[in-house]
Amino acid sequence: MAGRKEEELKDLTLLGNQGTTYSFTYNPNLLEVFDNKHPDRDYFVKFNCPEFTTLCQ
């Protein structure tokens, strides 16, 4: 993740890890979060992934 210090990423273990094994059952532990470095900015997020699947309950 560009622009982040190692200290800010210390708790991330899944994000960006090519060896992550994903479950096909609901598992809220797979969601990793990090602080927004610029909470005063507006963001537009566009996610393009033709094979994205989500399990919502």
N, C-alpha and C. Protein backbone atom coordinates (compact mmCIF):
# COMPACT_ATOMS: atom_id res chain seq x y z
N MET A 1 0.84 -1.18 0.00
CA MET A 1 0.00 0.00 0.00
C MET A 1 0.89 1.24 0.00
N ALA A 2 0.81 1.95 -1.04
CA ALA A 2 1.65 3.13 -1.19
C ALA A 2 1.26 4.21 -0.19
N GLY A 3 2.25 4.92 0.32
CA GLY A 3 1.99 6.04 1.20
C GLY A 3 1.73 5.67 2.64
N ARG A 4 1.90 4.43 3.00
CA ARG A 4 1.67 3.99 4.38
C ARG A 4 2.99 3.55 4.99
N LYS A 5 3.12 3.81 6.29
CA LYS A 5 4.32 3.40 7.01
C LYS A 5 4.11 1.97 7.52
N GLU A 6 5.20 1.26 7.75
CA GLU A 6 5.13 -0.11 8.25
C GLU A 6 4.31 -0.19 9.53
N GLU A 7 4.44 0.78 10.41
CA GLU A 7 3.70 0.80 11.67
C GLU A 7 2.19 0.82 11.42
N GLU A 8 1.76 1.52 10.38
CA GLU A 8 0.33 1.60 10.06
C GLU A 8 -0.21 0.28 9.50
N LEU A 9 0.65 -0.55 8.98
CA LEU A 9 0.24 -1.80 8.35
C LEU A 9 0.47 -3.03 9.22
N LYS A 10 0.96 -2.83 10.42
CA LYS A 10 1.39 -3.96 11.26
C LYS A 10 0.28 -4.95 11.57
N ASP A 11 -0.97 -4.49 11.62
CA ASP A 11 -2.07 -5.38 11.97
C ASP A 11 -2.74 -6.03 10.75
N LEU A 12 -2.30 -5.66 9.56
CA LEU A 12 -2.87 -6.25 8.34
C LEU A 12 -2.11 -7.51 7.99
N THR A 13 -2.84 -8.60 7.88
CA THR A 13 -2.20 -9.87 7.55
C THR A 13 -2.75 -10.47 6.27
N LEU A 14 -3.97 -10.08 5.87
CA LEU A 14 -4.61 -10.65 4.69
C LEU A 14 -4.49 -9.75 3.47
N LEU A 15 -4.67 -8.44 3.67
CA LEU A 15 -4.67 -7.49 2.58
C LEU A 15 -3.31 -7.48 1.89
N GLY A 16 -3.30 -7.81 0.59
CA GLY A 16 -2.07 -7.84 -0.17
C GLY A 16 -1.27 -9.13 -0.04
N ASN A 17 -1.74 -10.06 0.76
CA ASN A 17 -1.04 -11.33 0.97
C ASN A 17 -1.48 -12.32 -0.10
N GLN A 18 -0.55 -12.75 -0.94
CA GLN A 18 -0.88 -13.67 -2.03
C GLN A 18 -1.19 -15.09 -1.53
N GLY A 19 -0.88 -15.38 -0.27
CA GLY A 19 -1.11 -16.72 0.26
C GLY A 19 -2.38 -16.85 1.07
N THR A 20 -3.23 -15.83 1.05
CA THR A 20 -4.46 -15.86 1.83
C THR A 20 -5.40 -16.94 1.32
N THR A 21 -5.91 -17.76 2.23
CA THR A 21 -6.91 -18.77 1.91
C THR A 21 -8.26 -18.22 2.32
N TYR A 22 -9.19 -18.18 1.37
CA TYR A 22 -10.51 -17.63 1.65
C TYR A 22 -11.52 -18.73 1.88
N SER A 23 -12.43 -18.48 2.80
CA SER A 23 -13.49 -19.41 3.13
C SER A 23 -14.71 -19.10 2.27
N PHE A 24 -15.51 -20.10 1.98
CA PHE A 24 -16.75 -19.88 1.23
C PHE A 24 -17.96 -19.80 2.14
N THR A 25 -17.71 -19.69 3.42
CA THR A 25 -18.77 -19.44 4.39
C THR A 25 -18.50 -18.10 5.04
N TYR A 26 -19.54 -17.50 5.59
CA TYR A 26 -19.40 -16.17 6.18
C TYR A 26 -18.35 -16.17 7.29
N ASN A 27 -17.39 -15.26 7.18
CA ASN A 27 -16.34 -15.15 8.18
C ASN A 27 -15.96 -13.67 8.32
N PRO A 28 -16.52 -12.97 9.31
CA PRO A 28 -16.23 -11.54 9.47
C PRO A 28 -14.77 -11.25 9.79
N ASN A 29 -14.00 -12.25 10.18
CA ASN A 29 -12.58 -12.04 10.49
C ASN A 29 -11.74 -11.76 9.25
N LEU A 30 -12.30 -12.00 8.05
CA LEU A 30 -11.55 -11.74 6.83
C LEU A 30 -11.49 -10.26 6.48
N LEU A 31 -12.37 -9.46 7.07
CA LEU A 31 -12.39 -8.04 6.78
C LEU A 31 -11.35 -7.32 7.62
N GLU A 32 -10.38 -6.71 6.97
CA GLU A 32 -9.36 -5.95 7.67
C GLU A 32 -9.61 -4.47 7.44
N VAL A 33 -9.35 -3.67 8.44
CA VAL A 33 -9.58 -2.23 8.35
C VAL A 33 -8.32 -1.48 8.73
N PHE A 34 -8.26 -0.24 8.31
CA PHE A 34 -7.16 0.64 8.69
C PHE A 34 -7.69 2.05 8.73
N ASP A 35 -7.02 2.91 9.49
CA ASP A 35 -7.45 4.29 9.66
C ASP A 35 -7.32 5.06 8.35
N ASN A 36 -8.27 5.96 8.13
CA ASN A 36 -8.22 6.87 6.99
C ASN A 36 -7.23 7.97 7.31
N LYS A 37 -6.18 8.08 6.50
CA LYS A 37 -5.16 9.10 6.75
C LYS A 37 -5.66 10.51 6.46
N HIS A 38 -6.73 10.64 5.69
CA HIS A 38 -7.24 11.95 5.30
C HIS A 38 -8.77 11.99 5.46
N PRO A 39 -9.29 11.95 6.69
CA PRO A 39 -10.74 11.90 6.89
C PRO A 39 -11.47 13.16 6.41
N ASP A 40 -10.75 14.24 6.17
CA ASP A 40 -11.37 15.48 5.72
C ASP A 40 -11.60 15.50 4.21
N ARG A 41 -11.14 14.49 3.49
CA ARG A 41 -11.29 14.42 2.03
C ARG A 41 -12.50 13.57 1.64
N ASP A 42 -13.13 13.92 0.52
CA ASP A 42 -14.17 13.09 -0.07
C ASP A 42 -13.49 12.07 -0.98
N TYR A 43 -14.05 10.86 -1.06
CA TYR A 43 -13.46 9.80 -1.87
C TYR A 43 -14.49 9.24 -2.83
N PHE A 44 -14.04 8.83 -3.99
CA PHE A 44 -14.82 8.05 -4.94
C PHE A 44 -14.06 6.76 -5.13
N VAL A 45 -14.67 5.64 -4.79
CA VAL A 45 -14.00 4.35 -4.89
C VAL A 45 -14.70 3.53 -5.96
N LYS A 46 -13.92 3.05 -6.90
CA LYS A 46 -14.45 2.21 -7.97
C LYS A 46 -13.68 0.90 -7.95
N PHE A 47 -14.40 -0.19 -7.83
CA PHE A 47 -13.78 -1.51 -7.73
C PHE A 47 -14.20 -2.32 -8.95
N ASN A 48 -13.26 -2.64 -9.82
CA ASN A 48 -13.53 -3.44 -11.01
C ASN A 48 -12.96 -4.83 -10.83
N CYS A 49 -13.83 -5.80 -10.75
CA CYS A 49 -13.39 -7.20 -10.62
C CYS A 49 -14.52 -8.09 -11.13
N PRO A 50 -14.42 -8.62 -12.33
CA PRO A 50 -15.52 -9.40 -12.90
C PRO A 50 -15.82 -10.70 -12.15
N GLU A 51 -14.92 -11.16 -11.31
CA GLU A 51 -15.15 -12.41 -10.60
C GLU A 51 -15.38 -12.21 -9.11
N PHE A 52 -15.74 -10.99 -8.71
CA PHE A 52 -15.96 -10.69 -7.30
C PHE A 52 -17.24 -11.33 -6.81
N THR A 53 -17.20 -12.02 -5.70
CA THR A 53 -18.37 -12.64 -5.09
C THR A 53 -18.40 -12.24 -3.63
N THR A 54 -19.58 -11.97 -3.13
CA THR A 54 -19.72 -11.64 -1.72
C THR A 54 -20.82 -12.48 -1.09
N LEU A 55 -20.67 -12.78 0.16
CA LEU A 55 -21.68 -13.51 0.92
C LEU A 55 -22.28 -12.54 1.92
N CYS A 56 -23.46 -12.06 1.64
CA CYS A 56 -24.12 -11.09 2.52
C CYS A 56 -25.24 -11.77 3.29
N GLN A 57 -25.40 -11.38 4.54
CA GLN A 57 -26.48 -11.93 5.35
C GLN A 57 -27.32 -10.82 5.91
